[in-house]
Amino acid sequence: MVLVEGVSDKSAVEALAERHGRNLAAEGISLVAMGGATNIGTYVGKFGPAGRDLRLAGLVDVGEEGDYRRSLERAGLGSNLSRSDLEALGFFVCVADLEDELIRALGTAMVEEVIDAEGELGSFRSLQKQPAWRGRATHDQLRRFMGAGSGRKIRYSARLVAALDLDRVPRPLDRLLAHIAG
């Protein structure tokens, strides 16, 4: 069982698996969007050792890493877990979040191309002109843009993964997919 924070993360994992010719459902791997990282304890309780005793894995944003550690420790999956311990359990940490990882892997120019292909470059340019965002790094503006529109993170996550060179997949996403192959 792969636990991810939201639907956009689920979409990105599915898109990368598909690019590698994998069908996670056919492999017996369930991919669950938890509806927020704060739900990790509930899902670990339900599907971990005290629940269905399934092998768990997932992605975690760096800001939620502590919640994941505590939940995994409460479930009996270790104590004083380090980031290496989390990875050994199958949980891989994204710097900031998965969108941040994808923007860095693609570069801002390529992300703008993806946005342009979706017909939203004008909307992005409007955000860049807003006083709060004017003069800020394009990377930060892109992260804000992805999170600002209704369903935008979900819509763009698979598109950004599709635009990636497979040798530039962000480490957490790449390591997660490798982990669930074994």
Protein backbone atom coordinates (compact mmCIF):
# COMPACT_ATOMS: atom_id res chain seq x y z
CA MET A 1 0.00 0.00 0.00
CA VAL A 2 1.45 3.34 -1.09
CA LEU A 3 0.28 6.29 0.98
CA VAL A 4 0.49 9.76 -0.53
CA GLU A 5 -0.78 13.07 0.76
CA GLY A 6 -3.20 13.94 -2.03
CA VAL A 7 -4.61 13.24 -5.44
CA SER A 8 -1.87 15.21 -7.22
CA ASP A 9 0.82 12.98 -5.68
CA LYS A 10 -1.20 9.89 -6.60
CA SER A 11 -1.50 11.14 -10.18
CA ALA A 12 2.28 11.73 -10.40
CA VAL A 13 3.12 8.24 -9.09
CA GLU A 14 0.62 6.65 -11.50
CA ALA A 15 2.02 8.66 -14.43
CA LEU A 16 5.61 7.65 -13.66
CA ALA A 17 4.65 3.99 -13.21
CA GLU A 18 2.87 4.10 -16.57
CA ARG A 19 5.92 5.64 -18.24
CA HIS A 20 7.90 2.67 -16.94
CA GLY A 21 5.31 0.26 -18.35
CA ARG A 22 4.00 -0.70 -14.93
CA ASN A 23 0.42 -1.28 -13.87
CA LEU A 24 0.48 -0.90 -10.10
CA ALA A 25 -3.02 -2.31 -9.58
CA ALA A 26 -2.11 -5.43 -11.58
CA GLU A 27 1.00 -5.77 -9.39
CA GLY A 28 -1.23 -5.75 -6.30
CA ILE A 29 -0.13 -2.28 -5.23
CA SER A 30 -2.81 0.07 -3.94
CA LEU A 31 -2.11 3.78 -4.21
CA VAL A 32 -4.06 5.80 -1.65
CA ALA A 33 -4.45 9.58 -1.49
CA MET A 34 -4.94 10.20 2.24
CA GLY A 35 -6.56 13.64 1.95
CA GLY A 36 -3.70 15.33 3.76
CA ALA A 37 -0.51 14.34 5.53
CA THR A 38 -2.10 14.71 8.96
CA ASN A 39 -4.09 11.56 8.20
CA ILE A 40 -0.95 9.39 8.19
CA GLY A 41 -1.63 8.01 11.68
CA THR A 42 -5.10 6.84 10.71
CA TYR A 43 -3.84 5.07 7.59
CA VAL A 44 -0.84 3.48 9.30
CA GLY A 45 -3.20 2.25 12.03
CA LYS A 46 -5.66 0.84 9.54
CA PHE A 47 -3.20 -0.76 7.12
CA GLY A 48 0.00 -1.20 9.16
CA PRO A 49 0.97 -3.87 11.72
CA ALA A 50 -2.04 -3.28 14.03
CA GLY A 51 -4.46 -3.23 11.10
CA ARG A 52 -4.31 -5.25 7.90
CA ASP A 53 -0.53 -5.67 8.29
CA LEU A 54 0.26 -4.57 4.75
CA ARG A 55 3.67 -3.47 3.54
CA LEU A 56 3.51 0.34 3.52
CA ALA A 57 5.39 2.93 1.50
CA GLY A 58 4.83 6.52 0.50
CA LEU A 59 5.90 10.07 -0.15
CA VAL A 60 6.15 12.73 2.53
CA ASP A 61 6.72 16.47 2.31
CA VAL A 62 9.65 17.62 4.44
CA GLY A 63 7.32 19.69 6.62
CA GLU A 64 5.33 16.59 7.55
CA GLU A 65 8.31 14.31 8.15
CA GLY A 66 7.91 14.47 11.94
CA ASP A 67 4.26 13.39 11.77
CA TYR A 68 5.22 10.40 9.64
CA ARG A 69 8.05 9.43 12.00
CA ARG A 70 5.78 9.55 15.05
CA SER A 71 3.01 7.59 13.34
CA LEU A 72 5.38 4.88 12.11
CA GLU A 73 7.02 4.68 15.54
CA ARG A 74 3.61 4.39 17.29
CA ALA A 75 2.79 1.55 14.88
CA GLY A 76 5.88 -0.31 16.06
CA LEU A 77 7.92 0.19 12.90
CA GLY A 78 10.98 1.57 14.70
CA SER A 79 12.08 4.14 17.22
CA ASN A 80 13.98 7.39 16.81
CA LEU A 81 13.57 6.97 13.06
CA SER A 82 16.05 8.89 10.91
CA ARG A 83 15.44 9.85 7.31
CA SER A 84 17.45 6.78 6.28
CA ASP A 85 15.17 4.66 8.47
CA LEU A 86 12.12 6.20 6.80
CA GLU A 87 13.56 5.32 3.40
CA ALA A 88 14.32 1.76 4.51
CA LEU A 89 10.63 1.50 5.44
CA GLY A 90 9.68 2.87 2.00
CA PHE A 91 8.84 6.49 2.85
CA PHE A 92 10.69 9.07 0.77
CA VAL A 93 10.90 12.76 1.66
CA CYS A 94 10.24 15.53 -0.86
CA VAL A 95 12.00 18.85 -0.33
CA ALA A 96 9.06 21.20 0.19
CA ASP A 97 6.63 19.01 -1.78
CA LEU A 98 6.38 16.92 -4.93
CA GLU A 99 5.57 19.93 -7.12
CA ASP A 100 8.76 21.60 -5.90
CA GLU A 101 10.70 18.45 -6.81
CA LEU A 102 9.14 18.31 -10.29
CA ILE A 103 9.78 22.00 -11.00
CA ARG A 104 13.45 21.61 -10.02
CA ALA A 105 13.83 18.45 -12.12
CA LEU A 106 12.27 20.02 -15.21
CA GLY A 107 13.56 23.56 -14.85
CA THR A 108 11.32 26.60 -14.93
CA ALA A 109 11.44 27.04 -18.72
CA MET A 110 10.09 23.52 -19.31
CA VAL A 111 7.37 23.96 -16.69
CA GLU A 112 6.33 27.17 -18.44
CA GLU A 113 6.15 25.20 -21.72
CA VAL A 114 3.82 22.68 -20.05
CA ILE A 115 1.67 25.53 -18.73
CA ASP A 116 1.63 27.13 -22.19
CA ALA A 117 0.54 23.83 -23.76
CA GLU A 118 -2.41 23.84 -21.35
CA GLY A 119 -3.37 27.36 -22.42
CA GLU A 120 -2.63 28.90 -19.03
CA LEU A 121 0.56 30.84 -19.66
CA GLY A 122 -1.43 34.11 -19.62
CA SER A 123 -2.78 33.24 -16.16
CA PHE A 124 0.73 32.49 -14.97
CA ARG A 125 2.00 35.81 -16.35
CA SER A 126 -0.82 37.56 -14.48
CA LEU A 127 0.31 35.95 -11.23
CA GLN A 128 3.88 37.09 -11.91
CA LYS A 129 2.65 40.71 -12.15
CA GLN A 130 0.83 40.64 -8.81
CA PRO A 131 2.61 42.80 -6.23
CA ALA A 132 3.11 39.88 -3.83
CA TRP A 133 4.82 37.81 -6.53
CA ARG A 134 6.54 40.43 -8.67
CA GLY A 135 10.31 40.03 -8.49
CA ARG A 136 10.16 36.64 -6.78
CA ALA A 137 12.00 33.63 -8.21
CA THR A 138 10.19 31.99 -11.11
CA HIS A 139 10.42 28.67 -9.27
CA ASP A 140 8.45 30.11 -6.32
CA GLN A 141 5.94 31.71 -8.67
CA LEU A 142 5.39 28.37 -10.40
CA ARG A 143 4.82 26.60 -7.06
CA ARG A 144 2.25 29.23 -6.14
CA PHE A 145 0.59 28.96 -9.54
CA MET A 146 0.30 25.18 -9.22
CA GLY A 147 -1.36 25.50 -5.83
CA ALA A 148 -3.59 28.47 -6.66
CA GLY A 149 -6.08 27.14 -9.19
CA SER A 150 -8.90 24.74 -8.53
CA GLY A 151 -7.57 21.28 -9.35
CA ARG A 152 -4.42 22.71 -10.90
CA LYS A 153 -1.99 20.58 -8.85
CA ILE A 154 -3.91 17.47 -9.83
CA ARG A 155 -4.09 18.45 -13.49
CA TYR A 156 -0.42 19.36 -13.79
CA SER A 157 1.24 16.60 -11.76
CA ALA A 158 0.88 13.94 -14.47
CA ARG A 159 1.72 16.47 -17.19
CA LEU A 160 4.94 17.45 -15.44
CA VAL A 161 5.89 13.79 -15.01
CA ALA A 162 5.16 13.22 -18.71
CA ALA A 163 7.56 16.06 -19.59
CA LEU A 164 10.43 14.60 -17.50
CA ASP A 165 13.43 12.90 -18.98
CA LEU A 166 13.41 9.55 -17.20
CA ASP A 167 17.00 10.11 -16.09
CA ARG A 168 15.90 13.30 -14.26
CA VAL A 169 13.07 11.91 -12.13
CA PRO A 170 13.11 13.50 -8.67
CA ARG A 171 14.83 11.25 -6.16
CA PRO A 172 11.82 10.63 -3.85
CA LEU A 173 9.57 9.64 -6.75
CA ASP A 174 12.26 7.51 -8.38
CA ARG A 175 13.16 5.76 -5.12
CA LEU A 176 9.50 5.11 -4.26
CA LEU A 177 8.87 3.44 -7.60
CA ALA A 178 12.03 1.33 -7.21
CA HIS A 179 11.04 0.38 -3.66
CA ILE A 180 7.62 -0.89 -4.66
CA ALA A 181 9.12 -2.95 -7.49
CA GLY A 182 10.85 -5.25 -5.03
